[in-house]
Amino acid sequence: IVEDVARPLQLRNYTESFAGCEVLLVSVRCHLEELERRERE
């Protein structure tokens, strides 16, 4: 289970490194208000 804050080109780096693997790419979303609440806590 890989976890990263991956920008577009870093994602491309991952696709190249994992060329021999099957990878399920999951976008983890959350609205800003909740993100900021978690930061404070």
PDB file of all heavy atoms in Angstrom:
ATOM      1  N   ILE A   1       0.888  -1.157   0.000  1.00  0.00           N
ATOM      2  CA  ILE A   1       0.000   0.000   0.000  1.00  0.00           C
ATOM      3  C   ILE A   1       0.927   1.207   0.000  1.00  0.00           C
ATOM      4  O   ILE A   1       1.556   1.528   1.010  1.00  0.00           O
ATOM      5  CB  ILE A   1      -0.919   0.034   1.225  1.00  0.00           C
ATOM      6  CG1 ILE A   1      -1.781  -1.221   1.293  1.00  0.00           C
ATOM      7  CG2 ILE A   1      -1.809   1.291   1.193  1.00  0.00           C
ATOM      8  CD1 ILE A   1      -2.451  -1.425   2.639  1.00  0.00           C
ATOM      9  N   VAL A   2       1.061   1.843  -1.159  1.00  0.00           N
ATOM     10  CA  VAL A   2       1.942   3.005  -1.296  1.00  0.00           C
ATOM     11  C   VAL A   2       1.151   4.265  -0.969  1.00  0.00           C
ATOM     12  O   VAL A   2       0.006   4.423  -1.406  1.00  0.00           O
ATOM     13  CB  VAL A   2       2.507   3.098  -2.729  1.00  0.00           C
ATOM     14  CG1 VAL A   2       3.363   4.352  -2.887  1.00  0.00           C
ATOM     15  CG2 VAL A   2       3.321   1.852  -3.068  1.00  0.00           C
ATOM     16  N   GLU A   3       1.775   5.151  -0.227  1.00  0.00           N
ATOM     17  CA  GLU A   3       1.137   6.419   0.156  1.00  0.00           C
ATOM     18  C   GLU A   3       2.057   7.573  -0.193  1.00  0.00           C
ATOM     19  O   GLU A   3       3.218   7.585   0.208  1.00  0.00           O
ATOM     20  CB  GLU A   3       0.851   6.411   1.662  1.00  0.00           C
ATOM     21  CG  GLU A   3       0.406   7.743   2.216  1.00  0.00           C
ATOM     22  CD  GLU A   3       0.387   7.761   3.733  1.00  0.00           C
ATOM     23  OE1 GLU A   3       0.376   6.675   4.365  1.00  0.00           O
ATOM     24  OE2 GLU A   3       0.394   8.878   4.287  1.00  0.00           O
ATOM     25  N   ASP A   4       1.526   8.556  -0.948  1.00  0.00           N
ATOM     26  CA  ASP A   4       2.362   9.703  -1.293  1.00  0.00           C
ATOM     27  C   ASP A   4       1.482  10.891  -1.655  1.00  0.00           C
ATOM     28  O   ASP A   4       0.292  10.738  -1.973  1.00  0.00           O
ATOM     29  CB  ASP A   4       3.276   9.361  -2.478  1.00  0.00           C
ATOM     30  CG  ASP A   4       4.513  10.263  -2.549  1.00  0.00           C
ATOM     31  OD1 ASP A   4       4.585  11.252  -1.803  1.00  0.00           O
ATOM     32  OD2 ASP A   4       5.406   9.956  -3.364  1.00  0.00           O
ATOM     33  N   VAL A   5       2.072  12.077  -1.562  1.00  0.00           N
ATOM     34  CA  VAL A   5       1.485  13.302  -2.120  1.00  0.00           C
ATOM     35  C   VAL A   5       2.193  13.484  -3.454  1.00  0.00           C
ATOM     36  O   VAL A   5       3.199  14.190  -3.552  1.00  0.00           O
ATOM     37  CB  VAL A   5       1.713  14.507  -1.186  1.00  0.00           C
ATOM     38  CG1 VAL A   5       1.047  15.758  -1.764  1.00  0.00           C
ATOM     39  CG2 VAL A   5       1.181  14.215   0.212  1.00  0.00           C
ATOM     40  N   ALA A   6       1.693  12.819  -4.477  1.00  0.00           N
ATOM     41  CA  ALA A   6       2.421  12.721  -5.746  1.00  0.00           C
ATOM     42  C   ALA A   6       1.880  13.702  -6.768  1.00  0.00           C
ATOM     43  O   ALA A   6       0.733  13.615  -7.193  1.00  0.00           O
ATOM     44  CB  ALA A   6       2.346  11.293  -6.286  1.00  0.00           C
ATOM     45  N   ARG A   7       2.753  14.627  -7.169  1.00  0.00           N
ATOM     46  CA  ARG A   7       2.422  15.543  -8.249  1.00  0.00           C
ATOM     47  C   ARG A   7       2.531  14.801  -9.594  1.00  0.00           C
ATOM     48  O   ARG A   7       2.996  13.666  -9.641  1.00  0.00           O
ATOM     49  CB  ARG A   7       3.377  16.738  -8.209  1.00  0.00           C
ATOM     50  CG  ARG A   7       3.183  17.643  -6.991  1.00  0.00           C
ATOM     51  CD  ARG A   7       4.361  18.593  -6.852  1.00  0.00           C
ATOM     52  NE  ARG A   7       4.109  19.668  -5.921  1.00  0.00           N
ATOM     53  CZ  ARG A   7       4.214  19.556  -4.599  1.00  0.00           C
ATOM     54  NH1 ARG A   7       4.565  18.404  -4.055  1.00  0.00           N
ATOM     55  NH2 ARG A   7       3.969  20.593  -3.814  1.00  0.00           N
ATOM     56  N   PRO A   8       2.099  15.439 -10.692  1.00  0.00           N
ATOM     57  CA  PRO A   8       2.008  14.726 -11.975  1.00  0.00           C
ATOM     58  C   PRO A   8       3.276  14.021 -12.436  1.00  0.00           C
ATOM     59  O   PRO A   8       3.229  12.851 -12.838  1.00  0.00           O
ATOM     60  CB  PRO A   8       1.589  15.828 -12.949  1.00  0.00           C
ATOM     61  CG  PRO A   8       0.760  16.755 -12.121  1.00  0.00           C
ATOM     62  CD  PRO A   8       1.475  16.789 -10.794  1.00  0.00           C
ATOM     63  N   LEU A   9       4.422  14.702 -12.406  1.00  0.00           N
ATOM     64  CA  LEU A   9       5.635  14.055 -12.896  1.00  0.00           C
ATOM     65  C   LEU A   9       6.137  12.971 -11.942  1.00  0.00           C
ATOM     66  O   LEU A   9       6.705  11.964 -12.380  1.00  0.00           O
ATOM     67  CB  LEU A   9       6.735  15.088 -13.129  1.00  0.00           C
ATOM     68  CG  LEU A   9       6.560  15.939 -14.392  1.00  0.00           C
ATOM     69  CD1 LEU A   9       7.526  17.118 -14.380  1.00  0.00           C
ATOM     70  CD2 LEU A   9       6.763  15.104 -15.650  1.00  0.00           C
ATOM     71  N   GLN A  10       5.914  13.144 -10.637  1.00  0.00           N
ATOM     72  CA  GLN A  10       6.294  12.082  -9.714  1.00  0.00           C
ATOM     73  C   GLN A  10       5.406  10.854  -9.929  1.00  0.00           C
ATOM     74  O   GLN A  10       5.882   9.717  -9.843  1.00  0.00           O
ATOM     75  CB  GLN A  10       6.226  12.571  -8.266  1.00  0.00           C
ATOM     76  CG  GLN A  10       6.655  11.542  -7.223  1.00  0.00           C
ATOM     77  CD  GLN A  10       8.141  11.219  -7.250  1.00  0.00           C
ATOM     78  OE1 GLN A  10       8.816  11.363  -8.254  1.00  0.00           O
ATOM     79  NE2 GLN A  10       8.666  10.750  -6.119  1.00  0.00           N
ATOM     80  N   LEU A  11       4.136  11.074 -10.247  1.00  0.00           N
ATOM     81  CA  LEU A  11       3.284   9.943 -10.612  1.00  0.00           C
ATOM     82  C   LEU A  11       3.843   9.234 -11.837  1.00  0.00           C
ATOM     83  O   LEU A  11       3.830   8.003 -11.919  1.00  0.00           O
ATOM     84  CB  LEU A  11       1.852  10.416 -10.890  1.00  0.00           C
ATOM     85  CG  LEU A  11       0.863  10.391  -9.732  1.00  0.00           C
ATOM     86  CD1 LEU A  11      -0.492  10.909 -10.188  1.00  0.00           C
ATOM     87  CD2 LEU A  11       0.721   9.003  -9.126  1.00  0.00           C
ATOM     88  N   ARG A  12       4.328  10.013 -12.789  1.00  0.00           N
ATOM     89  CA  ARG A  12       4.928   9.405 -13.979  1.00  0.00           C
ATOM     90  C   ARG A  12       6.171   8.592 -13.589  1.00  0.00           C
ATOM     91  O   ARG A  12       6.397   7.497 -14.116  1.00  0.00           O
ATOM     92  CB  ARG A  12       5.280  10.493 -14.985  1.00  0.00           C
ATOM     93  CG  ARG A  12       5.925   9.982 -16.273  1.00  0.00           C
ATOM     94  CD  ARG A  12       5.044   8.972 -17.026  1.00  0.00           C
ATOM     95  NE  ARG A  12       5.667   8.617 -18.276  1.00  0.00           N
ATOM     96  CZ  ARG A  12       5.296   9.111 -19.461  1.00  0.00           C
ATOM     97  NH1 ARG A  12       4.274   9.970 -19.530  1.00  0.00           N
ATOM     98  NH2 ARG A  12       5.905   8.744 -20.558  1.00  0.00           N
ATOM     99  N   ASN A  13       6.962   9.101 -12.645  1.00  0.00           N
ATOM    100  CA  ASN A  13       8.093   8.329 -12.142  1.00  0.00           C
ATOM    101  C   ASN A  13       7.629   6.986 -11.576  1.00  0.00           C
ATOM    102  O   ASN A  13       8.260   5.945 -11.788  1.00  0.00           O
ATOM    103  CB  ASN A  13       8.833   9.104 -11.046  1.00  0.00           C
ATOM    104  CG  ASN A  13       9.909  10.028 -11.590  1.00  0.00           C
ATOM    105  OD1 ASN A  13      10.442   9.808 -12.669  1.00  0.00           O
ATOM    106  ND2 ASN A  13      10.223  11.069 -10.833  1.00  0.00           N
ATOM    107  N   TYR A  14       6.529   7.010 -10.843  1.00  0.00           N
ATOM    108  CA  TYR A  14       5.992   5.767 -10.280  1.00  0.00           C
ATOM    109  C   TYR A  14       5.567   4.803 -11.387  1.00  0.00           C
ATOM    110  O   TYR A  14       5.810   3.596 -11.288  1.00  0.00           O
ATOM    111  CB  TYR A  14       4.807   6.067  -9.366  1.00  0.00           C
ATOM    112  CG  TYR A  14       5.172   6.394  -7.942  1.00  0.00           C
ATOM    113  CD1 TYR A  14       5.064   7.690  -7.453  1.00  0.00           C
ATOM    114  CD2 TYR A  14       5.606   5.398  -7.064  1.00  0.00           C
ATOM    115  CE1 TYR A  14       5.375   7.989  -6.129  1.00  0.00           C
ATOM    116  CE2 TYR A  14       5.925   5.696  -5.745  1.00  0.00           C
ATOM    117  CZ  TYR A  14       5.804   6.991  -5.282  1.00  0.00           C
ATOM    118  OH  TYR A  14       6.116   7.291  -3.974  1.00  0.00           O
ATOM    119  N   THR A  15       4.928   5.308 -12.434  1.00  0.00           N
ATOM    120  CA  THR A  15       4.483   4.395 -13.503  1.00  0.00           C
ATOM    121  C   THR A  15       5.686   3.718 -14.161  1.00  0.00           C
ATOM    122  O   THR A  15       5.614   2.537 -14.518  1.00  0.00           O
ATOM    123  CB  THR A  15       3.665   5.124 -14.581  1.00  0.00           C
ATOM    124  OG1 THR A  15       4.503   6.023 -15.327  1.00  0.00           O
ATOM    125  CG2 THR A  15       2.500   5.885 -13.985  1.00  0.00           C
ATOM    126  N   GLU A  16       6.774   4.438 -14.300  1.00  0.00           N
ATOM    127  CA  GLU A  16       7.970   3.860 -14.922  1.00  0.00           C
ATOM    128  C   GLU A  16       8.605   2.812 -14.015  1.00  0.00           C
ATOM    129  O   GLU A  16       8.992   1.729 -14.467  1.00  0.00           O
ATOM    130  CB  GLU A  16       8.961   4.974 -15.254  1.00  0.00           C
ATOM    131  CG  GLU A  16       8.439   5.932 -16.320  1.00  0.00           C
ATOM    132  CD  GLU A  16       9.257   7.205 -16.436  1.00  0.00           C
ATOM    133  OE1 GLU A  16      10.298   7.300 -15.748  1.00  0.00           O
ATOM    134  OE2 GLU A  16       8.867   8.101 -17.204  1.00  0.00           O
ATOM    135  N   SER A  17       8.694   3.096 -12.725  1.00  0.00           N
ATOM    136  CA  SER A  17       9.302   2.154 -11.794  1.00  0.00           C
ATOM    137  C   SER A  17       8.445   0.902 -11.610  1.00  0.00           C
ATOM    138  O   SER A  17       8.969  -0.204 -11.453  1.00  0.00           O
ATOM    139  CB  SER A  17       9.530   2.825 -10.437  1.00  0.00           C
ATOM    140  OG  SER A  17      10.500   3.840 -10.531  1.00  0.00           O
ATOM    141  N   PHE A  18       7.129   1.073 -11.653  1.00  0.00           N
ATOM    142  CA  PHE A  18       6.211  -0.044 -11.431  1.00  0.00           C
ATOM    143  C   PHE A  18       5.717  -0.653 -12.749  1.00  0.00           C
ATOM    144  O   PHE A  18       4.650  -1.257 -12.790  1.00  0.00           O
ATOM    145  CB  PHE A  18       5.014   0.419 -10.602  1.00  0.00           C
ATOM    146  CG  PHE A  18       5.290   0.508  -9.127  1.00  0.00           C
ATOM    147  CD1 PHE A  18       5.718   1.697  -8.567  1.00  0.00           C
ATOM    148  CD2 PHE A  18       5.125  -0.589  -8.302  1.00  0.00           C
ATOM    149  CE1 PHE A  18       5.976   1.792  -7.210  1.00  0.00           C
ATOM    150  CE2 PHE A  18       5.375  -0.509  -6.940  1.00  0.00           C
ATOM    151  CZ  PHE A  18       5.813   0.685  -6.387  1.00  0.00           C
ATOM    152  N   ALA A  19       6.509  -0.523 -13.797  1.00  0.00           N
ATOM    153  CA  ALA A  19       6.074  -1.004 -15.114  1.00  0.00           C
ATOM    154  C   ALA A  19       5.757  -2.497 -15.125  1.00  0.00           C
ATOM    155  O   ALA A  19       4.921  -2.948 -15.898  1.00  0.00           O
ATOM    156  CB  ALA A  19       7.149  -0.691 -16.155  1.00  0.00           C
ATOM    157  N   GLY A  20       6.392  -3.267 -14.246  1.00  0.00           N
ATOM    158  CA  GLY A  20       6.138  -4.706 -14.221  1.00  0.00           C
ATOM    159  C   GLY A  20       5.075  -5.130 -13.236  1.00  0.00           C
ATOM    160  O   GLY A  20       4.888  -6.333 -12.997  1.00  0.00           O
ATOM    161  N   CYS A  21       4.357  -4.158 -12.661  1.00  0.00           N
ATOM    162  CA  CYS A  21       3.377  -4.455 -11.605  1.00  0.00           C
ATOM    163  C   CYS A  21       1.985  -3.984 -12.006  1.00  0.00           C
ATOM    164  O   CYS A  21       1.824  -3.105 -12.845  1.00  0.00           O
ATOM    165  CB  CYS A  21       3.772  -3.758 -10.306  1.00  0.00           C
ATOM    166  SG  CYS A  21       5.454  -4.083  -9.749  1.00  0.00           S
ATOM    167  N   GLU A  22       0.982  -4.589 -11.360  1.00  0.00           N
ATOM    168  CA  GLU A  22      -0.386  -4.118 -11.491  1.00  0.00           C
ATOM    169  C   GLU A  22      -0.659  -3.183 -10.319  1.00  0.00           C
ATOM    170  O   GLU A  22      -0.572  -3.600  -9.164  1.00  0.00           O
ATOM    171  CB  GLU A  22      -1.362  -5.290 -11.481  1.00  0.00           C
ATOM    172  CG  GLU A  22      -2.418  -5.164 -12.558  1.00  0.00           C
ATOM    173  CD  GLU A  22      -3.287  -6.403 -12.680  1.00  0.00           C
ATOM    174  OE1 GLU A  22      -4.048  -6.691 -11.738  1.00  0.00           O
ATOM    175  OE2 GLU A  22      -3.201  -7.051 -13.723  1.00  0.00           O
ATOM    176  N   VAL A  23      -0.995  -1.938 -10.602  1.00  0.00           N
ATOM    177  CA  VAL A  23      -1.155  -0.933  -9.561  1.00  0.00           C
ATOM    178  C   VAL A  23      -2.559  -0.353  -9.626  1.00  0.00           C
ATOM    179  O   VAL A  23      -2.996   0.127 -10.680  1.00  0.00           O
ATOM    180  CB  VAL A  23      -0.124   0.213  -9.721  1.00  0.00           C
ATOM    181  CG1 VAL A  23      -0.298   1.251  -8.617  1.00  0.00           C
ATOM    182  CG2 VAL A  23       1.299  -0.343  -9.724  1.00  0.00           C
ATOM    183  N   LEU A  24      -3.270  -0.401  -8.506  1.00  0.00           N
ATOM    184  CA  LEU A  24      -4.578   0.240  -8.400  1.00  0.00           C
ATOM    185  C   LEU A  24      -4.365   1.643  -7.851  1.00  0.00           C
ATOM    186  O   LEU A  24      -3.975   1.811  -6.696  1.00  0.00           O
ATOM    187  CB  LEU A  24      -5.494  -0.558  -7.469  1.00  0.00           C
ATOM    188  CG  LEU A  24      -6.923  -0.017  -7.327  1.00  0.00           C
ATOM    189  CD1 LEU A  24      -7.740  -0.349  -8.581  1.00  0.00           C
ATOM    190  CD2 LEU A  24      -7.616  -0.579  -6.086  1.00  0.00           C
ATOM    191  N   LEU A  25      -4.589   2.650  -8.677  1.00  0.00           N
ATOM    192  CA  LEU A  25      -4.377   4.043  -8.269  1.00  0.00           C
ATOM    193  C   LEU A  25      -5.667   4.598  -7.670  1.00  0.00           C
ATOM    194  O   LEU A  25      -6.692   4.689  -8.346  1.00  0.00           O
ATOM    195  CB  LEU A  25      -3.949   4.887  -9.470  1.00  0.00           C
ATOM    196  CG  LEU A  25      -3.745   6.377  -9.212  1.00  0.00           C
ATOM    197  CD1 LEU A  25      -2.721   6.631  -8.113  1.00  0.00           C
ATOM    198  CD2 LEU A  25      -3.326   7.086 -10.496  1.00  0.00           C
ATOM    199  N   VAL A  26      -5.585   4.978  -6.395  1.00  0.00           N
ATOM    200  CA  VAL A  26      -6.745   5.488  -5.664  1.00  0.00           C
ATOM    201  C   VAL A  26      -6.502   6.955  -5.318  1.00  0.00           C
ATOM    202  O   VAL A  26      -5.528   7.281  -4.628  1.00  0.00           O
ATOM    203  CB  VAL A  26      -6.990   4.685  -4.371  1.00  0.00           C
ATOM    204  CG1 VAL A  26      -8.216   5.230  -3.629  1.00  0.00           C
ATOM    205  CG2 VAL A  26      -7.161   3.197  -4.677  1.00  0.00           C
ATOM    206  N   SER A  27      -7.374   7.834  -5.776  1.00  0.00           N
ATOM    207  CA  SER A  27      -7.319   9.239  -5.383  1.00  0.00           C
ATOM    208  C   SER A  27      -8.049   9.396  -4.052  1.00  0.00           C
ATOM    209  O   SER A  27      -9.226   9.047  -3.943  1.00  0.00           O
ATOM    210  CB  SER A  27      -7.972  10.123  -6.452  1.00  0.00           C
ATOM    211  OG  SER A  27      -7.165  10.209  -7.601  1.00  0.00           O
ATOM    212  N   VAL A  28      -7.348   9.906  -3.059  1.00  0.00           N
ATOM    213  CA  VAL A  28      -7.932  10.105  -1.733  1.00  0.00           C
ATOM    214  C   VAL A  28      -8.306  11.575  -1.612  1.00  0.00           C
ATOM    215  O   VAL A  28      -7.439  12.451  -1.617  1.00  0.00           O
ATOM    216  CB  VAL A  28      -6.942   9.696  -0.625  1.00  0.00           C
ATOM    217  CG1 VAL A  28      -7.590   9.852   0.748  1.00  0.00           C
ATOM    218  CG2 VAL A  28      -6.477   8.254  -0.837  1.00  0.00           C
ATOM    219  N   ARG A  29      -9.598  11.831  -1.519  1.00  0.00           N
ATOM    220  CA  ARG A  29     -10.108  13.206  -1.515  1.00  0.00           C
ATOM    221  C   ARG A  29     -10.639  13.577  -0.132  1.00  0.00           C
ATOM    222  O   ARG A  29     -11.049  12.732   0.657  1.00  0.00           O
ATOM    223  CB  ARG A  29     -11.239  13.353  -2.540  1.00  0.00           C
ATOM    224  CG  ARG A  29     -10.917  12.833  -3.932  1.00  0.00           C
ATOM    225  CD  ARG A  29     -10.114  13.809  -4.730  1.00  0.00           C
ATOM    226  NE  ARG A  29      -9.902  13.340  -6.098  1.00  0.00           N
ATOM    227  CZ  ARG A  29      -9.722  14.120  -7.150  1.00  0.00           C
ATOM    228  NH1 ARG A  29      -9.733  15.437  -6.996  1.00  0.00           N
ATOM    229  NH2 ARG A  29      -9.508  13.603  -8.347  1.00  0.00           N
ATOM    230  N   CYS A  30     -10.686  14.886   0.120  1.00  0.00           N
ATOM    231  CA  CYS A  30     -11.235  15.414   1.369  1.00  0.00           C
ATOM    232  C   CYS A  30     -11.393  16.912   1.197  1.00  0.00           C
ATOM    233  O   CYS A  30     -10.498  17.569   0.656  1.00  0.00           O
ATOM    234  CB  CYS A  30     -10.284  15.098   2.532  1.00  0.00           C
ATOM    235  SG  CYS A  30     -10.882  15.651   4.146  1.00  0.00           S
ATOM    236  N   HIS A  31     -12.531  17.470   1.649  1.00  0.00           N
ATOM    237  CA  HIS A  31     -12.743  18.907   1.440  1.00  0.00           C
ATOM    238  C   HIS A  31     -11.866  19.721   2.393  1.00  0.00           C
ATOM    239  O   HIS A  31     -11.415  19.244   3.441  1.00  0.00           O
ATOM    240  CB  HIS A  31     -14.217  19.285   1.571  1.00  0.00           C
ATOM    241  CG  HIS A  31     -14.821  19.023   2.926  1.00  0.00           C
ATOM    242  ND1 HIS A  31     -14.533  19.783   4.040  1.00  0.00           N
ATOM    243  CD2 HIS A  31     -15.704  18.071   3.341  1.00  0.00           C
ATOM    244  CE1 HIS A  31     -15.220  19.344   5.079  1.00  0.00           C
ATOM    245  NE2 HIS A  31     -15.930  18.284   4.683  1.00  0.00           N
ATOM    246  N   LEU A  32     -11.621  20.976   1.999  1.00  0.00           N
ATOM    247  CA  LEU A  32     -10.635  21.809   2.673  1.00  0.00           C
ATOM    248  C   LEU A  32     -10.953  22.016   4.147  1.00  0.00           C
ATOM    249  O   LEU A  32     -10.039  21.992   4.989  1.00  0.00           O
ATOM    250  CB  LEU A  32     -10.527  23.163   1.956  1.00  0.00           C
ATOM    251  CG  LEU A  32      -9.531  24.168   2.554  1.00  0.00           C
ATOM    252  CD1 LEU A  32      -8.124  23.582   2.600  1.00  0.00           C
ATOM    253  CD2 LEU A  32      -9.536  25.457   1.756  1.00  0.00           C
ATOM    254  N   GLU A  33     -12.199  22.243   4.494  1.00  0.00           N
ATOM    255  CA  GLU A  33     -12.544  22.502   5.890  1.00  0.00           C
ATOM    256  C   GLU A  33     -12.124  21.349   6.795  1.00  0.00           C
ATOM    257  O   GLU A  33     -11.589  21.556   7.891  1.00  0.00           O
ATOM    258  CB  GLU A  33     -14.050  22.765   6.030  1.00  0.00           C
ATOM    259  CG  GLU A  33     -14.522  24.064   5.409  1.00  0.00           C
ATOM    260  CD  GLU A  33     -14.664  23.987   3.886  1.00  0.00           C
ATOM    261  OE1 GLU A  33     -14.515  22.864   3.325  1.00  0.00           O
ATOM    262  OE2 GLU A  33     -14.923  25.032   3.268  1.00  0.00           O
ATOM    263  N   GLU A  34     -12.344  20.127   6.327  1.00  0.00           N
ATOM    264  CA  GLU A  34     -11.956  18.961   7.120  1.00  0.00           C
ATOM    265  C   GLU A  34     -10.437  18.804   7.160  1.00  0.00           C
ATOM    266  O   GLU A  34      -9.863  18.445   8.197  1.00  0.00           O
ATOM    267  CB  GLU A  34     -12.607  17.701   6.544  1.00  0.00           C
ATOM    268  CG  GLU A  34     -12.206  16.399   7.223  1.00  0.00           C
ATOM    269  CD  GLU A  34     -12.594  16.313   8.685  1.00  0.00           C
ATOM    270  OE1 GLU A  34     -13.402  17.144   9.162  1.00  0.00           O
ATOM    271  OE2 GLU A  34     -12.090  15.403   9.376  1.00  0.00           O
ATOM    272  N   LEU A  35      -9.783  19.087   6.048  1.00  0.00           N
ATOM    273  CA  LEU A  35      -8.321  19.039   6.035  1.00  0.00           C
ATOM    274  C   LEU A  35      -7.747  19.990   7.085  1.00  0.00           C
ATOM    275  O   LEU A  35      -6.825  19.623   7.831  1.00  0.00           O
ATOM    276  CB  LEU A  35      -7.792  19.427   4.652  1.00  0.00           C
ATOM    277  CG  LEU A  35      -8.061  18.465   3.495  1.00  0.00           C
ATOM    278  CD1 LEU A  35      -7.637  19.117   2.182  1.00  0.00           C
ATOM    279  CD2 LEU A  35      -7.313  17.154   3.690  1.00  0.00           C
ATOM    280  N   GLU A  36      -8.276  21.187   7.136  1.00  0.00           N
ATOM    281  CA  GLU A  36      -7.761  22.181   8.082  1.00  0.00           C
ATOM    282  C   GLU A  36      -8.093  21.796   9.525  1.00  0.00           C
ATOM    283  O   GLU A  36      -7.299  22.053  10.437  1.00  0.00           O
ATOM    284  CB  GLU A  36      -8.303  23.553   7.736  1.00  0.00           C
ATOM    285  CG  GLU A  36      -7.756  24.085   6.410  1.00  0.00           C
ATOM    286  CD  GLU A  36      -8.226  25.477   6.075  1.00  0.00           C
ATOM    287  OE1 GLU A  36      -9.416  25.794   6.334  1.00  0.00           O
ATOM    288  OE2 GLU A  36      -7.419  26.257   5.549  1.00  0.00           O
ATOM    289  N   ARG A  37      -9.241  21.176   9.745  1.00  0.00           N
ATOM    290  CA  ARG A  37      -9.581  20.704  11.091  1.00  0.00           C
ATOM    291  C   ARG A  37      -8.570  19.648  11.542  1.00  0.00           C
ATOM    292  O   ARG A  37      -8.085  19.681  12.683  1.00  0.00           O
ATOM    293  CB  ARG A  37     -10.990  20.127  11.116  1.00  0.00           C
ATOM    294  CG  ARG A  37     -11.459  19.707  12.513  1.00  0.00           C
ATOM    295  CD  ARG A  37     -12.721  18.877  12.464  1.00  0.00           C
ATOM    296  NE  ARG A  37     -12.488  17.563  11.878  1.00  0.00           N
ATOM    297  CZ  ARG A  37     -11.913  16.541  12.519  1.00  0.00           C
ATOM    298  NH1 ARG A  37     -11.503  16.685  13.777  1.00  0.00           N
ATOM    299  NH2 ARG A  37     -11.738  15.393  11.913  1.00  0.00           N
ATOM    300  N   ARG A  38      -8.245  18.734  10.655  1.00  0.00           N
ATOM    301  CA  ARG A  38      -7.273  17.688  10.994  1.00  0.00           C
ATOM    302  C   ARG A  38      -5.900  18.283  11.274  1.00  0.00           C
ATOM    303  O   ARG A  38      -5.193  17.839  12.188  1.00  0.00           O
ATOM    304  CB  ARG A  38      -7.194  16.664   9.863  1.00  0.00           C
ATOM    305  CG  ARG A  38      -8.473  15.861   9.678  1.00  0.00           C
ATOM    306  CD  ARG A  38      -8.395  14.966   8.443  1.00  0.00           C
ATOM    307  NE  ARG A  38      -9.649  14.273   8.196  1.00  0.00           N
ATOM    308  CZ  ARG A  38      -9.880  13.489   7.151  1.00  0.00           C
ATOM    309  NH1 ARG A  38      -8.917  13.295   6.244  1.00  0.00           N
ATOM    310  NH2 ARG A  38     -11.050  12.897   7.001  1.00  0.00           N
ATOM    311  N   GLU A  39      -5.506  19.274  10.486  1.00  0.00           N
ATOM    312  CA  GLU A  39      -4.212  19.934  10.728  1.00  0.00           C
ATOM    313  C   GLU A  39      -4.148  20.513  12.135  1.00  0.00           C
ATOM    314  O   GLU A  39      -3.140  20.386  12.830  1.00  0.00           O
ATOM    315  CB  GLU A  39      -3.992  21.056   9.719  1.00  0.00           C
ATOM    316  CG  GLU A  39      -3.424  20.627   8.401  1.00  0.00           C
ATOM    317  CD  GLU A  39      -3.068  21.809   7.515  1.00  0.00           C
ATOM    318  OE1 GLU A  39      -3.655  22.896   7.695  1.00  0.00           O
ATOM    319  OE2 GLU A  39      -2.209  21.648   6.640  1.00  0.00           O
ATOM    320  N   ARG A  40      -5.248  21.170  12.542  1.00  0.00           N
ATOM    321  CA  ARG A  40      -5.258  21.809  13.866  1.00  0.00           C
ATOM    322  C   ARG A  40      -5.182  20.779  14.984  1.00  0.00           C
ATOM    323  O   ARG A  40      -4.586  21.029  16.043  1.00  0.00           O
ATOM    324  CB  ARG A  40      -6.511  22.672  14.024  1.00  0.00           C
ATOM    325  CG  ARG A  40      -6.533  23.917  13.151  1.00  0.00           C
ATOM    326  CD  ARG A  40      -7.656  24.851  13.566  1.00  0.00           C
ATOM    327  NE  ARG A  40      -8.980  24.249  13.410  1.00  0.00           N
ATOM    328  CZ  ARG A  40      -9.711  24.312  12.293  1.00  0.00           C
ATOM    329  NH1 ARG A  40      -9.239  24.953  11.226  1.00  0.00           N
ATOM    330  NH2 ARG A  40     -10.907  23.765  12.234  1.00  0.00           N
ATOM    331  N   GLU A  41      -5.788  19.616  14.777  1.00  0.00           N
ATOM    332  CA  GLU A  41      -5.864  18.605  15.832  1.00  0.00           C
ATOM    333  C   GLU A  41      -4.603  17.756  15.932  1.00  0.00           C
ATOM    334  O   GLU A  41      -4.382  17.095  16.949  1.00  0.00           O
ATOM    335  CB  GLU A  41      -7.075  17.703  15.602  1.00  0.00           C
ATOM    336  CG  GLU A  41      -8.402  18.406  15.846  1.00  0.00           C
ATOM    337  CD  GLU A  41      -9.580  17.447  15.818  1.00  0.00           C
ATOM    338  OE1 GLU A  41      -9.368  16.251  15.493  1.00  0.00           O
ATOM    339  OE2 GLU A  41     -10.698  17.892  16.134  1.00  0.00           O
TER     340      GLU A  41
END
